[in-house]
Amino acid sequence: MALREAPGEPALAQALSGVLVARAAVDPEFSAALDAWRRQCQALFEGSVTNTISGGTQYGPVVQGRDFSGITFNSPPEPPRRES
């Protein structure tokens, strides 16, 4: 809980790490679960990206990639639809 309240505090992260290591050393089930969780987290940061654009014509910018923030676009309006 202390780390959640102060996530930028390295001493709290180190304390949590020590507790997790100690518990994993004496509890094989916990150790396996912790390792599985670590692998899941690692996969989030390995850089794999799948980009898919579907559903017809896209009007305006399309950005493909990973981990974007603070992006804004001033796109022209969608062109009028043609009557069939």
N, C-alpha and C. Protein backbone atom coordinates (compact mmCIF):
# COMPACT_ATOMS: atom_id res chain seq x y z
N MET A 1 0.82 -1.19 0.00
CA MET A 1 0.00 0.00 0.00
C MET A 1 0.87 1.26 0.00
N ALA A 2 1.97 1.22 0.74
CA ALA A 2 2.83 2.40 0.82
C ALA A 2 3.40 2.73 -0.56
N LEU A 3 3.76 1.71 -1.33
CA LEU A 3 4.31 1.95 -2.66
C LEU A 3 3.24 2.51 -3.59
N ARG A 4 2.01 2.06 -3.45
CA ARG A 4 0.91 2.59 -4.26
C ARG A 4 0.72 4.08 -3.98
N GLU A 5 0.87 4.47 -2.72
CA GLU A 5 0.68 5.87 -2.34
C GLU A 5 1.86 6.74 -2.72
N ALA A 6 3.04 6.15 -2.84
CA ALA A 6 4.25 6.91 -3.22
C ALA A 6 5.04 6.11 -4.25
N PRO A 7 4.52 5.98 -5.49
CA PRO A 7 5.15 5.10 -6.47
C PRO A 7 6.55 5.52 -6.90
N GLY A 8 6.94 6.74 -6.67
CA GLY A 8 8.26 7.20 -7.07
C GLY A 8 9.31 7.02 -5.99
N GLU A 9 8.99 6.31 -4.94
CA GLU A 9 9.90 6.15 -3.82
C GLU A 9 10.69 4.85 -3.95
N PRO A 10 11.97 4.92 -4.36
CA PRO A 10 12.77 3.71 -4.59
C PRO A 10 12.90 2.80 -3.35
N ALA A 11 12.98 3.37 -2.16
CA ALA A 11 13.14 2.55 -0.96
C ALA A 11 11.93 1.65 -0.74
N LEU A 12 10.75 2.15 -1.07
CA LEU A 12 9.54 1.35 -0.92
C LEU A 12 9.51 0.22 -1.94
N ALA A 13 9.94 0.51 -3.16
CA ALA A 13 10.00 -0.52 -4.20
C ALA A 13 11.01 -1.60 -3.81
N GLN A 14 12.14 -1.20 -3.26
CA GLN A 14 13.14 -2.17 -2.82
C GLN A 14 12.63 -3.02 -1.67
N ALA A 15 11.89 -2.42 -0.76
CA ALA A 15 11.32 -3.18 0.35
C ALA A 15 10.32 -4.21 -0.16
N LEU A 16 9.46 -3.82 -1.08
CA LEU A 16 8.50 -4.75 -1.66
C LEU A 16 9.23 -5.88 -2.39
N SER A 17 10.25 -5.54 -3.13
CA SER A 17 11.04 -6.54 -3.84
C SER A 17 11.61 -7.58 -2.88
N GLY A 18 12.14 -7.11 -1.76
CA GLY A 18 12.71 -8.02 -0.76
C GLY A 18 11.67 -8.96 -0.18
N VAL A 19 10.48 -8.42 0.08
CA VAL A 19 9.40 -9.25 0.62
C VAL A 19 8.98 -10.30 -0.40
N LEU A 20 8.87 -9.93 -1.65
CA LEU A 20 8.48 -10.87 -2.70
C LEU A 20 9.52 -11.98 -2.87
N VAL A 21 10.78 -11.61 -2.86
CA VAL A 21 11.87 -12.59 -2.99
C VAL A 21 11.85 -13.56 -1.80
N ALA A 22 11.68 -13.03 -0.60
CA ALA A 22 11.66 -13.88 0.60
C ALA A 22 10.47 -14.84 0.56
N ARG A 23 9.33 -14.35 0.17
CA ARG A 23 8.14 -15.22 0.09
C ARG A 23 8.33 -16.28 -0.98
N ALA A 24 8.86 -15.91 -2.12
CA ALA A 24 9.09 -16.86 -3.22
C ALA A 24 10.08 -17.94 -2.81
N ALA A 25 11.02 -17.60 -1.96
CA ALA A 25 12.04 -18.57 -1.51
C ALA A 25 11.45 -19.67 -0.65
N VAL A 26 10.34 -19.40 0.02
CA VAL A 26 9.76 -20.40 0.93
C VAL A 26 8.43 -20.97 0.45
N ASP A 27 7.89 -20.43 -0.64
CA ASP A 27 6.57 -20.86 -1.12
C ASP A 27 6.65 -21.14 -2.62
N PRO A 28 6.78 -22.41 -3.01
CA PRO A 28 6.93 -22.74 -4.43
C PRO A 28 5.76 -22.29 -5.30
N GLU A 29 4.53 -22.35 -4.79
CA GLU A 29 3.37 -21.90 -5.57
C GLU A 29 3.45 -20.39 -5.80
N PHE A 30 3.79 -19.66 -4.76
CA PHE A 30 3.93 -18.22 -4.89
C PHE A 30 5.05 -17.89 -5.87
N SER A 31 6.14 -18.63 -5.78
CA SER A 31 7.28 -18.41 -6.68
C SER A 31 6.87 -18.61 -8.13
N ALA A 32 6.10 -19.66 -8.41
CA ALA A 32 5.64 -19.92 -9.78
C ALA A 32 4.70 -18.83 -10.26
N ALA A 33 3.79 -18.39 -9.39
CA ALA A 33 2.85 -17.33 -9.75
C ALA A 33 3.58 -16.01 -9.99
N LEU A 34 4.55 -15.73 -9.15
CA LEU A 34 5.34 -14.50 -9.31
C LEU A 34 6.12 -14.51 -10.62
N ASP A 35 6.69 -15.66 -10.95
CA ASP A 35 7.43 -15.77 -12.21
C ASP A 35 6.50 -15.62 -13.41
N ALA A 36 5.30 -16.20 -13.34
CA ALA A 36 4.34 -16.07 -14.44
C ALA A 36 3.93 -14.60 -14.60
N TRP A 37 3.71 -13.91 -13.48
CA TRP A 37 3.35 -12.49 -13.53
C TRP A 37 4.50 -11.67 -14.14
N ARG A 38 5.73 -11.99 -13.75
CA ARG A 38 6.90 -11.28 -14.30
C ARG A 38 6.98 -11.44 -15.81
N ARG A 39 6.72 -12.66 -16.29
CA ARG A 39 6.76 -12.90 -17.75
C ARG A 39 5.67 -12.12 -18.47
N GLN A 40 4.48 -12.04 -17.87
CA GLN A 40 3.40 -11.26 -18.48
C GLN A 40 3.78 -9.78 -18.56
N CYS A 41 4.35 -9.27 -17.48
CA CYS A 41 4.75 -7.86 -17.46
C CYS A 41 5.86 -7.59 -18.48
N GLN A 42 6.80 -8.51 -18.57
CA GLN A 42 7.91 -8.35 -19.51
C GLN A 42 7.39 -8.27 -20.93
N ALA A 43 6.38 -9.07 -21.25
CA ALA A 43 5.82 -9.05 -22.61
C ALA A 43 5.23 -7.69 -22.97
N LEU A 44 4.76 -6.96 -21.97
CA LEU A 44 4.20 -5.63 -22.23
C LEU A 44 5.25 -4.64 -22.70
N PHE A 45 6.51 -4.87 -22.34
CA PHE A 45 7.57 -3.92 -22.64
C PHE A 45 8.53 -4.40 -23.72
N GLU A 46 8.23 -5.52 -24.34
CA GLU A 46 9.15 -6.07 -25.34
C GLU A 46 9.00 -5.42 -26.71
N GLY A 47 7.98 -4.62 -26.91
CA GLY A 47 7.88 -3.87 -28.15
C GLY A 47 7.07 -4.51 -29.24
N SER A 48 6.38 -5.60 -28.99
CA SER A 48 5.56 -6.18 -30.04
C SER A 48 4.33 -5.31 -30.25
N VAL A 49 4.03 -5.02 -31.51
CA VAL A 49 2.91 -4.16 -31.86
C VAL A 49 2.17 -4.80 -33.02
N THR A 50 0.86 -4.81 -32.94
CA THR A 50 0.03 -5.23 -34.06
C THR A 50 -0.92 -4.09 -34.37
N ASN A 51 -0.84 -3.54 -35.56
CA ASN A 51 -1.70 -2.44 -35.98
C ASN A 51 -2.65 -2.94 -37.05
N THR A 52 -3.94 -2.65 -36.89
CA THR A 52 -4.94 -3.05 -37.86
C THR A 52 -5.85 -1.87 -38.12
N ILE A 53 -6.08 -1.59 -39.39
CA ILE A 53 -7.04 -0.56 -39.78
C ILE A 53 -8.07 -1.26 -40.64
N SER A 54 -9.32 -1.13 -40.25
CA SER A 54 -10.38 -1.79 -41.02
C SER A 54 -11.64 -0.95 -40.95
N GLY A 55 -12.65 -1.39 -41.68
CA GLY A 55 -13.94 -0.71 -41.60
C GLY A 55 -14.15 0.36 -42.65
N GLY A 56 -13.50 0.27 -43.78
CA GLY A 56 -13.74 1.24 -44.85
C GLY A 56 -12.66 2.28 -44.96
N THR A 57 -12.99 3.36 -45.63
CA THR A 57 -12.04 4.44 -45.88
C THR A 57 -11.87 5.27 -44.62
N GLN A 58 -10.64 5.58 -44.29
CA GLN A 58 -10.34 6.41 -43.13
C GLN A 58 -10.07 7.83 -43.62
N TYR A 59 -10.75 8.79 -43.03
CA TYR A 59 -10.53 10.19 -43.37
C TYR A 59 -9.78 10.84 -42.23
N GLY A 60 -8.60 11.32 -42.52
CA GLY A 60 -7.80 11.96 -41.49
C GLY A 60 -6.56 11.14 -41.19
N PRO A 61 -5.74 11.63 -40.29
CA PRO A 61 -4.48 10.95 -39.98
C PRO A 61 -4.70 9.60 -39.29
N VAL A 62 -3.82 8.70 -39.60
CA VAL A 62 -3.77 7.41 -38.92
C VAL A 62 -2.32 7.22 -38.49
N VAL A 63 -2.12 6.98 -37.19
CA VAL A 63 -0.79 6.78 -36.66
C VAL A 63 -0.70 5.34 -36.17
N GLN A 64 0.32 4.64 -36.62
CA GLN A 64 0.53 3.28 -36.17
C GLN A 64 1.81 3.23 -35.37
N GLY A 65 1.77 2.51 -34.28
CA GLY A 65 2.95 2.41 -33.44
C GLY A 65 2.57 1.96 -32.05
N ARG A 66 3.33 2.41 -31.06
CA ARG A 66 3.09 2.00 -29.68
C ARG A 66 3.46 3.13 -28.73
N ASP A 67 2.74 3.20 -27.65
CA ASP A 67 3.03 4.12 -26.54
C ASP A 67 3.04 5.59 -26.95
N PHE A 68 1.96 6.04 -27.54
CA PHE A 68 1.82 7.44 -27.90
C PHE A 68 1.16 8.21 -26.76
N SER A 69 1.50 9.48 -26.64
CA SER A 69 0.78 10.35 -25.70
C SER A 69 0.90 11.78 -26.19
N GLY A 70 -0.10 12.56 -25.87
CA GLY A 70 -0.07 13.98 -26.19
C GLY A 70 -0.16 14.31 -27.67
N ILE A 71 -0.80 13.44 -28.45
CA ILE A 71 -0.91 13.68 -29.89
C ILE A 71 -2.27 14.31 -30.17
N THR A 72 -2.27 15.38 -30.96
CA THR A 72 -3.53 15.98 -31.42
C THR A 72 -3.44 16.20 -32.92
N PHE A 73 -4.59 16.19 -33.56
CA PHE A 73 -4.66 16.39 -35.00
C PHE A 73 -5.75 17.41 -35.29
N ASN A 74 -5.50 18.22 -36.28
CA ASN A 74 -6.51 19.13 -36.80
C ASN A 74 -6.81 18.67 -38.22
N SER A 75 -7.73 17.75 -38.33
CA SER A 75 -8.04 17.12 -39.62
C SER A 75 -9.18 17.85 -40.31
N PRO A 76 -9.16 17.85 -41.65
CA PRO A 76 -10.30 18.40 -42.37
C PRO A 76 -11.51 17.50 -42.14
N PRO A 77 -12.72 18.03 -42.29
CA PRO A 77 -13.90 17.20 -42.10
C PRO A 77 -14.00 16.10 -43.16
N GLU A 78 -14.74 15.08 -42.83
CA GLU A 78 -14.96 13.98 -43.77
C GLU A 78 -15.70 14.53 -44.99
N PRO A 79 -15.30 14.11 -46.22
CA PRO A 79 -15.99 14.60 -47.41
C PRO A 79 -17.45 14.12 -47.42
N PRO A 80 -18.31 14.85 -48.09
CA PRO A 80 -19.72 14.43 -48.14
C PRO A 80 -19.86 13.07 -48.84
N ARG A 81 -20.84 12.33 -48.40
CA ARG A 81 -21.09 11.01 -49.01
C ARG A 81 -21.84 11.20 -50.33
N ARG A 82 -21.51 10.34 -51.28
CA ARG A 82 -22.18 10.37 -52.59
C ARG A 82 -23.50 9.62 -52.50
N GLU A 83 -24.52 10.19 -53.10
CA GLU A 83 -25.82 9.50 -53.16
C GLU A 83 -25.72 8.39 -54.18
N SER A 84 -26.28 7.23 -53.84
CA SER A 84 -26.25 6.08 -54.76
C SER A 84 -27.43 6.07 -55.67
